[in-house]
Amino acid sequence: MAAPSTPPRRSWPYVVVAIVVLALQQGWDAQQVITLTVSLLVLIAVITAAGHNRE
């Protein structure tokens, strides 16, 4: 009997939130945090798109 397939866990939202919170705690300016967040989301989008193209 085959094990039921489970969807992969997506932990990247937690990672992005943790990095943004750390940046805020370190006293980064709002514009720097926004730039960091946008950069992280674009990076995740590129990685996700590359993963979909492999399948």
PDB file of N, CA and C in Angstrom:
ATOM      1  N   MET A   1       0.845  -1.183   0.000  1.00  0.00           N
ATOM      2  CA  MET A   1       0.000   0.000   0.000  1.00  0.00           C
ATOM      3  C   MET A   1       0.886   1.240   0.000  1.00  0.00           C
ATOM      4  N   ALA A   2       0.607   2.126  -0.906  1.00  0.00           N
ATOM      5  CA  ALA A   2       1.412   3.345  -1.037  1.00  0.00           C
ATOM      6  C   ALA A   2       0.963   4.379  -0.001  1.00  0.00           C
ATOM      7  N   ALA A   3       1.927   5.126   0.473  1.00  0.00           N
ATOM      8  CA  ALA A   3       1.618   6.183   1.441  1.00  0.00           C
ATOM      9  C   ALA A   3       0.917   7.326   0.722  1.00  0.00           C
ATOM     10  N   PRO A   4      -0.054   7.944   1.392  1.00  0.00           N
ATOM     11  CA  PRO A   4      -0.730   9.076   0.739  1.00  0.00           C
ATOM     12  C   PRO A   4       0.245  10.215   0.501  1.00  0.00           C
ATOM     13  N   SER A   5       0.090  10.833  -0.647  1.00  0.00           N
ATOM     14  CA  SER A   5       1.002  11.940  -0.951  1.00  0.00           C
ATOM     15  C   SER A   5       0.518  13.192  -0.222  1.00  0.00           C
ATOM     16  N   THR A   6       1.454  13.884   0.351  1.00  0.00           N
ATOM     17  CA  THR A   6       1.129  15.125   1.054  1.00  0.00           C
ATOM     18  C   THR A   6       1.760  16.277   0.301  1.00  0.00           C
ATOM     19  N   PRO A   7       1.075  17.400   0.237  1.00  0.00           N
ATOM     20  CA  PRO A   7       1.659  18.545  -0.463  1.00  0.00           C
ATOM     21  C   PRO A   7       2.875  19.062   0.296  1.00  0.00           C
ATOM     22  N   PRO A   8       3.835  19.593  -0.419  1.00  0.00           N
ATOM     23  CA  PRO A   8       5.026  20.110   0.262  1.00  0.00           C
ATOM     24  C   PRO A   8       4.675  21.299   1.143  1.00  0.00           C
ATOM     25  N   ARG A   9       5.330  21.375   2.291  1.00  0.00           N
ATOM     26  CA  ARG A   9       5.104  22.506   3.190  1.00  0.00           C
ATOM     27  C   ARG A   9       5.778  23.740   2.625  1.00  0.00           C
ATOM     28  N   ARG A  10       5.099  24.827   2.703  1.00  0.00           N
ATOM     29  CA  ARG A  10       5.638  26.100   2.227  1.00  0.00           C
ATOM     30  C   ARG A  10       5.987  26.941   3.443  1.00  0.00           C
ATOM     31  N   SER A  11       7.266  26.991   3.761  1.00  0.00           N
ATOM     32  CA  SER A  11       7.691  27.740   4.943  1.00  0.00           C
ATOM     33  C   SER A  11       8.230  29.118   4.585  1.00  0.00           C
ATOM     34  N   TRP A  12       8.262  29.459   3.284  1.00  0.00           N
ATOM     35  CA  TRP A  12       8.855  30.749   2.910  1.00  0.00           C
ATOM     36  C   TRP A  12       8.107  31.951   3.472  1.00  0.00           C
ATOM     37  N   PRO A  13       6.776  31.903   3.663  1.00  0.00           N
ATOM     38  CA  PRO A  13       6.139  33.099   4.256  1.00  0.00           C
ATOM     39  C   PRO A  13       6.666  33.397   5.657  1.00  0.00           C
ATOM     40  N   TYR A  14       6.926  32.345   6.434  1.00  0.00           N
ATOM     41  CA  TYR A  14       7.446  32.525   7.781  1.00  0.00           C
ATOM     42  C   TYR A  14       8.866  33.087   7.762  1.00  0.00           C
ATOM     43  N   VAL A  15       9.641  32.645   6.787  1.00  0.00           N
ATOM     44  CA  VAL A  15      11.018  33.134   6.658  1.00  0.00           C
ATOM     45  C   VAL A  15      11.021  34.618   6.304  1.00  0.00           C
ATOM     46  N   VAL A  16      10.177  35.018   5.368  1.00  0.00           N
ATOM     47  CA  VAL A  16      10.106  36.425   4.970  1.00  0.00           C
ATOM     48  C   VAL A  16       9.678  37.289   6.151  1.00  0.00           C
ATOM     49  N   VAL A  17       8.662  36.840   6.885  1.00  0.00           N
ATOM     50  CA  VAL A  17       8.193  37.606   8.041  1.00  0.00           C
ATOM     51  C   VAL A  17       9.299  37.715   9.092  1.00  0.00           C
ATOM     52  N   ALA A  18      10.001  36.628   9.353  1.00  0.00           N
ATOM     53  CA  ALA A  18      11.073  36.658  10.347  1.00  0.00           C
ATOM     54  C   ALA A  18      12.177  37.632   9.953  1.00  0.00           C
ATOM     55  N   ILE A  19      12.558  37.633   8.680  1.00  0.00           N
ATOM     56  CA  ILE A  19      13.613  38.536   8.214  1.00  0.00           C
ATOM     57  C   ILE A  19      13.158  39.985   8.312  1.00  0.00           C
ATOM     58  N   VAL A  20      11.913  40.254   7.935  1.00  0.00           N
ATOM     59  CA  VAL A  20      11.392  41.622   8.001  1.00  0.00           C
ATOM     60  C   VAL A  20      11.318  42.096   9.461  1.00  0.00           C
ATOM     61  N   VAL A  21      10.858  41.233  10.347  1.00  0.00           N
ATOM     62  CA  VAL A  21      10.784  41.600  11.769  1.00  0.00           C
ATOM     63  C   VAL A  21      12.175  41.890  12.315  1.00  0.00           C
ATOM     64  N   LEU A  22      13.147  41.069  11.967  1.00  0.00           N
ATOM     65  CA  LEU A  22      14.520  41.319  12.420  1.00  0.00           C
ATOM     66  C   LEU A  22      15.058  42.641  11.892  1.00  0.00           C
ATOM     67  N   ALA A  23      14.759  42.942  10.645  1.00  0.00           N
ATOM     68  CA  ALA A  23      15.206  44.217  10.072  1.00  0.00           C
ATOM     69  C   ALA A  23      14.582  45.388  10.818  1.00  0.00           C
ATOM     70  N   LEU A  24      13.294  45.279  11.139  1.00  0.00           N
ATOM     71  CA  LEU A  24      12.628  46.347  11.892  1.00  0.00           C
ATOM     72  C   LEU A  24      13.221  46.489  13.286  1.00  0.00           C
ATOM     73  N   GLN A  25      13.504  45.365  13.930  1.00  0.00           N
ATOM     74  CA  GLN A  25      14.089  45.398  15.274  1.00  0.00           C
ATOM     75  C   GLN A  25      15.489  46.000  15.274  1.00  0.00           C
ATOM     76  N   GLN A  26      16.180  45.874  14.159  1.00  0.00           N
ATOM     77  CA  GLN A  26      17.536  46.423  14.052  1.00  0.00           C
ATOM     78  C   GLN A  26      17.526  47.910  13.729  1.00  0.00           C
ATOM     79  N   GLY A  27      16.334  48.468  13.531  1.00  0.00           N
ATOM     80  CA  GLY A  27      16.231  49.896  13.308  1.00  0.00           C
ATOM     81  C   GLY A  27      16.338  50.330  11.859  1.00  0.00           C
ATOM     82  N   TRP A  28      16.067  49.424  10.934  1.00  0.00           N
ATOM     83  CA  TRP A  28      16.107  49.792   9.525  1.00  0.00           C
ATOM     84  C   TRP A  28      15.001  50.791   9.234  1.00  0.00           C
ATOM     85  N   ASP A  29      15.269  51.686   8.292  1.00  0.00           N
ATOM     86  CA  ASP A  29      14.253  52.636   7.843  1.00  0.00           C
ATOM     87  C   ASP A  29      13.156  51.892   7.093  1.00  0.00           C
ATOM     88  N   ALA A  30      11.972  52.503   7.053  1.00  0.00           N
ATOM     89  CA  ALA A  30      10.829  51.874   6.384  1.00  0.00           C
ATOM     90  C   ALA A  30      11.137  51.588   4.915  1.00  0.00           C
ATOM     91  N   GLN A  31      11.802  52.513   4.238  1.00  0.00           N
ATOM     92  CA  GLN A  31      12.105  52.314   2.819  1.00  0.00           C
ATOM     93  C   GLN A  31      13.053  51.132   2.626  1.00  0.00           C
ATOM     94  N   GLN A  32      14.005  50.959   3.525  1.00  0.00           N
ATOM     95  CA  GLN A  32      14.921  49.819   3.430  1.00  0.00           C
ATOM     96  C   GLN A  32      14.176  48.501   3.638  1.00  0.00           C
ATOM     97  N   VAL A  33      13.233  48.493   4.578  1.00  0.00           N
ATOM     98  CA  VAL A  33      12.456  47.278   4.842  1.00  0.00           C
ATOM     99  C   VAL A  33      11.569  46.949   3.649  1.00  0.00           C
ATOM    100  N   ILE A  34      10.981  47.965   3.047  1.00  0.00           N
ATOM    101  CA  ILE A  34      10.149  47.741   1.862  1.00  0.00           C
ATOM    102  C   ILE A  34      10.990  47.178   0.723  1.00  0.00           C
ATOM    103  N   THR A  35      12.174  47.749   0.515  1.00  0.00           N
ATOM    104  CA  THR A  35      13.068  47.258  -0.534  1.00  0.00           C
ATOM    105  C   THR A  35      13.481  45.811  -0.268  1.00  0.00           C
ATOM    106  N   LEU A  36      13.800  45.510   0.973  1.00  0.00           N
ATOM    107  CA  LEU A  36      14.169  44.144   1.352  1.00  0.00           C
ATOM    108  C   LEU A  36      13.012  43.183   1.084  1.00  0.00           C
ATOM    109  N   THR A  37      11.811  43.566   1.500  1.00  0.00           N
ATOM    110  CA  THR A  37      10.646  42.706   1.328  1.00  0.00           C
ATOM    111  C   THR A  37      10.352  42.447  -0.142  1.00  0.00           C
ATOM    112  N   VAL A  38      10.388  43.486  -0.947  1.00  0.00           N
ATOM    113  CA  VAL A  38      10.142  43.326  -2.388  1.00  0.00           C
ATOM    114  C   VAL A  38      11.205  42.424  -3.002  1.00  0.00           C
ATOM    115  N   SER A  39      12.443  42.619  -2.619  1.00  0.00           N
ATOM    116  CA  SER A  39      13.535  41.792  -3.158  1.00  0.00           C
ATOM    117  C   SER A  39      13.340  40.326  -2.789  1.00  0.00           C
ATOM    118  N   LEU A  40      12.952  40.062  -1.548  1.00  0.00           N
ATOM    119  CA  LEU A  40      12.730  38.678  -1.123  1.00  0.00           C
ATOM    120  C   LEU A  40      11.570  38.046  -1.878  1.00  0.00           C
ATOM    121  N   LEU A  41      10.498  38.799  -2.059  1.00  0.00           N
ATOM    122  CA  LEU A  41       9.345  38.252  -2.773  1.00  0.00           C
ATOM    123  C   LEU A  41       9.651  37.990  -4.242  1.00  0.00           C
ATOM    124  N   VAL A  42      10.424  38.871  -4.867  1.00  0.00           N
ATOM    125  CA  VAL A  42      10.833  38.641  -6.260  1.00  0.00           C
ATOM    126  C   VAL A  42      11.729  37.412  -6.352  1.00  0.00           C
ATOM    127  N   LEU A  43      12.637  37.267  -5.418  1.00  0.00           N
ATOM    128  CA  LEU A  43      13.511  36.093  -5.403  1.00  0.00           C
ATOM    129  C   LEU A  43      12.700  34.812  -5.260  1.00  0.00           C
ATOM    130  N   ILE A  44      11.725  34.819  -4.370  1.00  0.00           N
ATOM    131  CA  ILE A  44      10.874  33.641  -4.188  1.00  0.00           C
ATOM    132  C   ILE A  44      10.083  33.352  -5.457  1.00  0.00           C
ATOM    133  N   ALA A  45       9.582  34.392  -6.112  1.00  0.00           N
ATOM    134  CA  ALA A  45       8.834  34.199  -7.356  1.00  0.00           C
ATOM    135  C   ALA A  45       9.710  33.577  -8.439  1.00  0.00           C
ATOM    136  N   VAL A  46      10.939  34.024  -8.540  1.00  0.00           N
ATOM    137  CA  VAL A  46      11.865  33.480  -9.550  1.00  0.00           C
ATOM    138  C   VAL A  46      12.170  32.020  -9.245  1.00  0.00           C
ATOM    139  N   ILE A  47      12.431  31.711  -7.985  1.00  0.00           N
ATOM    140  CA  ILE A  47      12.741  30.326  -7.606  1.00  0.00           C
ATOM    141  C   ILE A  47      11.527  29.423  -7.847  1.00  0.00           C
ATOM    142  N   THR A  48      10.345  29.912  -7.485  1.00  0.00           N
ATOM    143  CA  THR A  48       9.135  29.131  -7.691  1.00  0.00           C
ATOM    144  C   THR A  48       8.882  28.892  -9.174  1.00  0.00           C
ATOM    145  N   ALA A  49       9.063  29.912  -9.989  1.00  0.00           N
ATOM    146  CA  ALA A  49       8.871  29.776 -11.429  1.00  0.00           C
ATOM    147  C   ALA A  49       9.880  28.795 -12.014  1.00  0.00           C
ATOM    148  N   ALA A  50      11.093  28.846 -11.553  1.00  0.00           N
ATOM    149  CA  ALA A  50      12.114  27.922 -12.050  1.00  0.00           C
ATOM    150  C   ALA A  50      11.757  26.487 -11.665  1.00  0.00           C
ATOM    151  N   GLY A  51      11.203  26.310 -10.480  1.00  0.00           N
ATOM    152  CA  GLY A  51      10.799  24.980 -10.046  1.00  0.00           C
ATOM    153  C   GLY A  51       9.643  24.432 -10.862  1.00  0.00           C
ATOM    154  N   HIS A  52       8.701  25.296 -11.241  1.00  0.00           N
ATOM    155  CA  HIS A  52       7.570  24.859 -12.063  1.00  0.00           C
ATOM    156  C   HIS A  52       8.029  24.511 -13.468  1.00  0.00           C
ATOM    157  N   ASN A  53       9.045  25.166 -13.975  1.00  0.00           N
ATOM    158  CA  ASN A  53       9.541  24.899 -15.327  1.00  0.00           C
ATOM    159  C   ASN A  53      10.271  23.560 -15.388  1.00  0.00           C
ATOM    160  N   ARG A  54      10.796  23.073 -14.270  1.00  0.00           N
ATOM    161  CA  ARG A  54      11.512  21.799 -14.245  1.00  0.00           C
ATOM    162  C   ARG A  54      10.549  20.622 -14.311  1.00  0.00           C
ATOM    163  N   GLU A  55       9.335  20.806 -13.869  1.00  0.00           N
ATOM    164  CA  GLU A  55       8.382  19.686 -13.794  1.00  0.00           C
ATOM    165  C   GLU A  55       7.745  19.392 -15.112  1.00  0.00           C
TER     166      GLU A  55
END
